[in-house]
Protein backbone atom coordinates (compact mmCIF):
# COMPACT_ATOMS: atom_id res chain seq x y z
CA MET A 1 134.27 -214.41 24.04
CA ILE A 2 131.71 -213.12 20.79
CA GLU A 3 133.66 -213.51 17.76
CA ILE A 4 132.99 -210.18 15.58
CA ALA A 5 131.67 -210.91 11.63
CA PRO A 6 133.11 -209.54 8.72
CA THR A 7 132.01 -206.78 6.96
CA TRP A 8 130.65 -209.06 4.03
CA PHE A 9 128.39 -211.20 6.33
CA ASN A 10 126.85 -207.72 8.06
CA GLU A 11 126.21 -206.40 5.03
CA ALA A 12 124.46 -209.50 3.25
CA LEU A 13 121.66 -209.47 6.35
CA LYS A 14 121.01 -205.93 5.62
CA ILE A 15 119.55 -206.78 2.65
CA GLU A 16 116.14 -206.47 2.28
CA LYS A 17 113.45 -209.39 1.97
CA SER A 18 110.55 -210.93 2.59
CA GLU A 19 108.36 -213.24 4.64
CA ASN A 20 106.29 -215.43 3.10
CA ARG A 21 103.54 -218.80 3.63
CA VAL A 22 102.26 -220.88 1.51
CA LEU A 23 99.77 -223.93 1.94
CA VAL A 24 101.02 -227.22 0.95
CA GLU A 25 98.52 -230.34 1.14
CA GLY A 26 97.58 -228.90 5.36
CA ALA A 27 100.54 -227.49 6.16
CA SER A 28 101.79 -224.00 6.47
CA ILE A 29 105.65 -223.80 4.74
CA TYR A 30 107.52 -220.44 5.84
CA TYR A 31 109.84 -219.22 2.89
CA GLN A 32 111.60 -215.43 2.67
CA LYS A 33 112.08 -214.19 -0.65
CA TRP A 34 115.06 -211.91 -2.11
CA GLY A 35 115.81 -209.97 -5.07
CA ASP A 36 114.61 -208.36 -8.31
CA GLU A 37 111.49 -210.01 -10.01
CA SER A 38 112.80 -209.65 -13.24
CA LYS A 39 115.41 -212.20 -12.86
CA PRO A 40 115.48 -216.15 -13.02
CA GLY A 41 114.10 -217.71 -9.82
CA LEU A 42 116.85 -219.77 -7.62
CA ILE A 43 115.10 -222.27 -4.70
CA LEU A 44 117.62 -222.88 -1.85
CA VAL A 45 116.84 -226.14 0.23
CA HIS A 46 118.48 -226.19 3.86
CA GLY A 47 119.83 -229.55 5.68
CA SER A 48 118.66 -232.11 8.57
CA GLY A 49 117.03 -230.17 11.14
CA SER A 50 118.07 -226.71 9.49
CA HIS A 51 116.14 -223.96 8.45
CA SER A 52 116.12 -221.14 5.64
CA HIS A 53 118.14 -218.74 7.69
CA TRP A 54 121.69 -221.06 7.00
CA TRP A 55 120.93 -219.18 3.79
CA ASP A 56 120.73 -215.85 5.02
CA PHE A 57 123.97 -214.86 4.50
CA ILE A 58 124.44 -216.65 1.05
CA ALA A 59 121.46 -215.50 -0.76
CA PRO A 60 122.15 -211.96 -1.07
CA LEU A 61 125.62 -212.39 -2.50
CA LEU A 62 123.53 -214.67 -5.92
CA LEU A 63 120.95 -211.47 -6.10
CA GLU A 64 123.04 -210.00 -9.22
CA ASP A 65 121.86 -212.73 -11.40
CA PHE A 66 118.93 -214.59 -9.35
CA GLN A 67 115.85 -213.84 -7.46
CA ILE A 68 115.87 -215.95 -4.64
CA SER A 69 113.62 -218.30 -2.18
CA ALA A 70 114.79 -220.08 0.57
CA LEU A 71 112.07 -222.50 2.63
CA ASP A 72 111.55 -224.14 5.98
CA LEU A 73 110.76 -227.97 4.70
CA SER A 74 107.68 -229.32 6.87
CA GLY A 75 108.70 -230.16 10.35
CA MET A 76 111.65 -227.98 10.59
CA GLY A 77 112.44 -224.18 10.77
CA ASP A 78 109.00 -222.40 11.08
CA SER A 79 106.99 -224.25 8.97
CA ASP A 80 104.40 -226.87 10.43
CA ARG A 81 105.22 -230.15 11.37
CA ARG A 82 103.19 -232.82 9.86
CA LYS A 83 101.72 -236.55 11.04
CA ASN A 84 103.92 -238.38 8.34
CA TYR A 85 106.72 -237.39 6.23
CA GLU A 86 107.65 -238.12 2.75
CA ALA A 87 110.56 -237.68 0.07
CA ALA A 88 107.99 -236.77 -2.62
CA LEU A 89 105.88 -234.27 -0.15
CA PHE A 90 108.92 -232.28 0.27
CA GLY A 91 109.63 -232.22 -3.18
CA ARG A 92 106.25 -230.73 -3.61
CA GLU A 93 106.70 -228.23 -1.02
CA ILE A 94 109.70 -227.04 -2.84
CA LEU A 95 107.87 -226.45 -6.11
CA ALA A 96 105.11 -224.68 -4.33
CA VAL A 97 107.15 -222.46 -3.31
CA ALA A 98 108.85 -221.95 -6.95
CA GLU A 99 105.51 -221.52 -8.04
CA ASP A 100 103.98 -218.99 -5.20
CA SER A 101 107.47 -217.09 -5.53
CA GLY A 102 106.47 -216.52 -9.49
CA PHE A 103 109.29 -218.62 -10.50
CA PHE A 104 107.57 -220.29 -13.04
CA ASN A 105 106.32 -217.33 -14.78
CA LYS A 106 109.70 -215.82 -16.13
CA LYS A 107 110.42 -215.47 -19.65
CA ILE A 108 114.13 -215.82 -19.09
CA ASN A 109 115.44 -218.68 -17.61
CA ASP A 110 113.46 -221.78 -16.04
CA PRO A 111 114.26 -222.01 -12.31
CA ILE A 112 117.00 -223.92 -10.52
CA ILE A 113 117.01 -225.73 -7.00
CA CYS A 114 120.01 -225.78 -4.95
CA GLY A 115 120.15 -227.71 -1.82
CA HIS A 116 122.69 -228.83 1.16
CA SER A 117 122.60 -232.54 2.42
CA LEU A 118 119.38 -233.86 2.50
CA GLY A 119 117.99 -230.65 0.64
CA GLY A 120 120.04 -231.91 -2.35
CA TYR A 121 118.51 -235.01 -1.96
CA MET A 122 114.88 -233.21 -1.60
CA SER A 123 115.88 -230.82 -4.45
CA SER A 124 116.52 -233.93 -7.06
CA PHE A 125 112.93 -235.32 -5.73
CA ALA A 126 111.40 -231.87 -6.72
CA ALA A 127 112.95 -231.81 -10.00
CA TYR A 128 112.17 -235.30 -10.69
CA GLN A 129 108.50 -234.92 -10.24
CA SER A 130 107.99 -231.36 -11.50
CA THR A 131 105.46 -231.06 -14.73
CA LYS A 132 107.02 -227.80 -15.32
CA PRO A 133 110.79 -227.17 -16.73
CA ILE A 134 113.43 -227.15 -14.04
CA LYS A 135 117.15 -225.97 -15.42
CA GLY A 136 119.20 -227.70 -12.98
CA VAL A 137 119.48 -228.79 -9.50
CA ILE A 138 122.88 -228.27 -7.44
CA MET A 139 123.48 -231.12 -4.63
CA ILE A 140 125.95 -229.83 -1.93
CA ASP A 141 127.41 -232.50 0.00
CA SER A 142 124.79 -234.95 -0.53
CA PRO A 143 126.42 -238.09 -0.88
CA ILE A 144 124.74 -240.88 -3.02
CA ARG A 145 126.02 -244.02 -1.66
CA PRO A 146 127.00 -247.01 -3.94
CA PRO A 147 124.52 -250.30 -3.59
CA THR A 148 127.84 -252.12 -2.49
CA TYR A 149 128.15 -249.68 0.54
CA ASP A 150 128.71 -250.92 4.06
CA TYR A 151 126.04 -249.17 6.25
CA SER A 152 127.61 -251.26 9.42
CA MET A 153 130.33 -248.59 9.44
CA HIS A 154 127.90 -245.57 8.78
CA LYS A 155 126.81 -243.43 11.73
CA ARG A 156 123.49 -241.85 11.17
CA SER A 157 124.01 -238.24 10.56
CA GLY A 158 120.32 -236.88 11.44
CA PRO A 159 119.11 -234.75 14.25
CA ILE A 160 117.69 -237.72 16.25
CA ARG A 161 118.10 -236.42 19.85
CA LYS A 162 114.82 -236.40 21.49
CA ILE A 163 113.54 -232.86 22.19
CA LYS A 164 113.43 -231.50 25.88
CA THR A 165 113.05 -228.25 27.17
CA TYR A 166 115.87 -226.08 28.56
CA ALA A 167 115.40 -223.23 30.78
CA ASP A 168 116.89 -220.49 29.27
CA GLU A 169 118.10 -219.22 26.06
CA LYS A 170 121.49 -219.28 27.05
CA THR A 171 121.51 -222.77 27.93
CA ILE A 172 120.00 -224.15 25.03
CA LEU A 173 122.36 -222.21 22.72
CA GLU A 174 125.21 -223.61 24.39
CA ARG A 175 124.01 -227.01 24.02
CA PHE A 176 123.84 -225.78 19.92
CA ARG A 177 125.89 -228.96 17.97
CA LEU A 178 126.47 -229.71 14.01
CA THR A 179 125.26 -232.68 12.64
CA PRO A 180 126.91 -234.43 12.00
CA GLU A 181 129.41 -232.93 14.21
CA GLN A 182 132.54 -230.90 12.87
CA ASP A 183 134.91 -227.79 13.90
CA CYS A 184 133.95 -224.79 12.32
CA ASN A 185 136.35 -221.87 12.68
CA ASN A 186 133.69 -219.31 11.46
CA LYS A 187 131.81 -218.90 15.11
CA TYR A 188 129.90 -215.97 14.01
CA ILE A 189 127.79 -218.13 11.67
CA LEU A 190 127.57 -220.61 14.07
CA ASP A 191 126.04 -218.18 16.97
CA TYR A 192 123.52 -216.82 13.98
CA ILE A 193 122.09 -219.81 12.79
CA ALA A 194 121.91 -221.15 16.47
CA LYS A 195 119.53 -218.24 17.34
CA TRP A 196 117.47 -219.43 14.52
CA SER A 197 117.40 -223.03 15.57
CA ILE A 198 115.39 -222.57 18.93
CA LYS A 199 111.67 -221.41 19.85
CA LYS A 200 110.17 -220.53 23.34
CA SER A 201 107.72 -223.35 24.41
CA ASN A 202 106.80 -225.27 27.48
CA GLY A 203 107.87 -222.37 29.43
CA GLY A 204 111.38 -222.44 28.31
CA TYR A 205 113.05 -223.26 24.95
CA GLU A 206 113.23 -226.04 22.52
CA TRP A 207 114.82 -226.61 19.28
CA LYS A 208 112.53 -225.76 16.44
CA PHE A 209 112.72 -229.15 14.39
CA ASP A 210 110.48 -232.33 14.90
CA ASP A 211 112.74 -235.05 16.48
CA SER A 212 110.28 -237.61 14.74
CA ILE A 213 111.05 -236.75 11.04
CA PHE A 214 113.64 -239.34 10.27
CA GLU A 215 111.66 -242.30 12.03
CA LYS A 216 108.65 -241.27 9.76
CA LEU A 217 110.64 -240.41 6.94
CA GLY A 218 112.38 -243.95 6.45
CA PHE A 219 115.15 -241.81 5.35
CA SER A 220 117.93 -244.81 5.01
CA HIS A 221 115.31 -246.41 2.19
CA MET A 222 114.63 -243.60 -0.03
CA THR A 223 115.77 -243.84 -3.72
CA ARG A 224 118.46 -241.41 -3.50
CA ASP A 225 120.44 -241.81 -6.77
CA ILE A 226 117.12 -240.57 -8.55
CA ALA A 227 119.57 -237.52 -9.41
CA PHE A 228 121.39 -239.43 -11.69
CA THR A 229 117.94 -239.78 -14.13
CA LEU A 230 116.77 -236.13 -14.09
CA SER A 231 116.32 -234.54 -17.50
CA CYS A 232 117.35 -231.62 -16.16
CA LYS A 233 121.11 -230.53 -15.82
CA LEU A 234 122.82 -231.59 -12.61
CA GLY A 235 126.03 -230.31 -10.45
CA ILE A 236 127.74 -231.47 -7.46
CA ILE A 237 129.62 -229.49 -5.02
CA TYR A 238 131.42 -231.28 -1.88
CA GLY A 239 133.55 -230.34 0.83
CA THR A 240 137.17 -231.79 0.46
CA GLU A 241 137.16 -232.42 4.36
CA SER A 242 133.76 -233.68 4.41
CA LYS A 243 133.46 -237.17 6.20
CA MET A 244 130.21 -237.76 4.31
CA ILE A 245 131.73 -238.14 0.77
CA ALA A 246 134.32 -240.86 1.24
CA ASP A 247 136.40 -241.82 -1.93
CA GLU A 248 134.32 -244.92 -2.65
CA VAL A 249 131.25 -242.12 -2.47
CA LEU A 250 132.91 -239.78 -4.77
CA SER A 251 133.98 -242.39 -7.48
CA TYR A 252 130.55 -244.16 -7.24
CA MET A 253 129.10 -240.44 -8.01
CA GLU A 254 131.47 -239.63 -10.78
CA SER A 255 130.82 -242.80 -12.47
CA SER A 256 126.86 -242.56 -12.24
CA VAL A 257 126.20 -239.17 -13.06
CA PRO A 258 125.30 -238.07 -17.03
CA ASN A 259 128.37 -236.90 -19.11
CA ASN A 260 129.62 -233.38 -18.38
CA THR A 261 127.90 -232.98 -14.78
CA PRO A 262 130.46 -230.60 -12.81
CA ILE A 263 131.72 -232.22 -9.54
CA ILE A 264 133.42 -229.36 -7.80
CA PRO A 265 135.70 -229.90 -4.85
CA ILE A 266 135.77 -227.13 -1.83
CA LYS A 267 138.67 -227.20 -0.13
CA LYS A 268 139.16 -226.49 4.14
CA ALA A 269 135.40 -227.21 3.76
CA ALA A 270 133.65 -230.54 5.68
CA HIS A 271 130.30 -231.05 5.52
CA HIS A 272 128.73 -227.94 6.37
CA VAL A 273 130.33 -225.93 3.37
CA LEU A 274 127.52 -223.04 4.06
CA LEU A 275 129.58 -222.51 7.31
CA ASP A 276 133.02 -223.36 6.33
CA GLN A 277 133.46 -221.52 3.17
CA PRO A 278 130.50 -219.49 2.58
CA LEU A 279 132.46 -217.15 -0.06
CA LYS A 280 134.17 -219.84 -1.83
CA LEU A 281 130.55 -221.61 -2.27
CA VAL A 282 128.98 -218.93 -3.73
CA SER A 283 131.67 -218.50 -6.19
CA GLU A 284 131.34 -222.29 -7.38
CA ILE A 285 127.19 -222.02 -7.18
CA LYS A 286 127.95 -219.44 -10.04
CA ASN A 287 130.30 -221.87 -11.68
CA VAL A 288 127.85 -224.88 -11.80
CA ILE A 289 125.52 -222.61 -13.31
CA SER A 290 127.49 -220.90 -16.00
CA THR A 291 128.52 -224.24 -17.31
CA TRP A 292 124.71 -225.27 -18.15
CA LYS A 293 124.56 -222.30 -20.71
C-alpha cells in the first residue's frame, strides 16, 4: 500500500533548485543548490552510504534564512568513486562545494556546515581544516564515543553489504534498508529516498554507494573528537531513541564540548532523525543557529 505524502512534503519537493558539479582532486562531486544568493550559505552533508536527496524535503524549509547546497560525498550518490577515501578528503569536498556555491563570498555571515551521522564527522573535519571562516558546525546524531568505550559490544553501522545486481527496480527497492536498521513511520520518505539510492547497471539495478568505502576509509580509527577543538561554533542534535547515542556517549559529549554548546534532543526520533521528525529537525536547526548570534 502506497502511503500518501503530506502537503508540506510535496510542496517542498516543488521548490526550484539547480544541479551542479565541482572537480575535487580528480573526482566529480555532485551537489544540489537552493535559494537566494543574497543569503548566507548552509551546507548539508548526508550520512553513510546515503546521498544529497535525503535533504530534498529539509532544505526548502530553511530557505527563509539561508541559501543551501547539499552534496554527494565521493563514492556515494551521483559523485565519482575513488581508489582511496579519507576523512580529510571528504572535508575538502565539502569546502569545495561551499567555495563553488559562493558561500565564502557572502558579506552577511560565514557559512554553516550541518551533517547527519557520518556527515556530522565530515562537517567537523571540513571546519577544522578550512583556511576561511566557518560560522559553525551542527552534528545530527553523530556519536563521539569516550576512550573507554567497549567496542566489542558495538555493531558496525556502515553499509557493508557487497553490491549485487538486482533484476528489476521493484526487487531492489523491496531490499532497501536503513543502516543502522530502525523502524520509520514515514514510509513516504523511505520510498522517496530509496528511489534516489539506486541506478541502472550491469543489465539490472544496483545501489549507488561504493561498497569498499569503509574498508578504505578506516572509519573506526578516525579522530572523531576533532569536533571538540573547533575554533567555530558547535551544535549537537540527537534522537532520544537513537541506539547510537547511549547514555555513556551522551555524557562524554556533554562533558567534552565547549561551554554553551547547544545539545538538543528530539523526541520520538531514532538515529535517522531526518526521516523520523523532519519538521522538528528543521525547527531545531534554526534554534541551534539562533544561539550563535
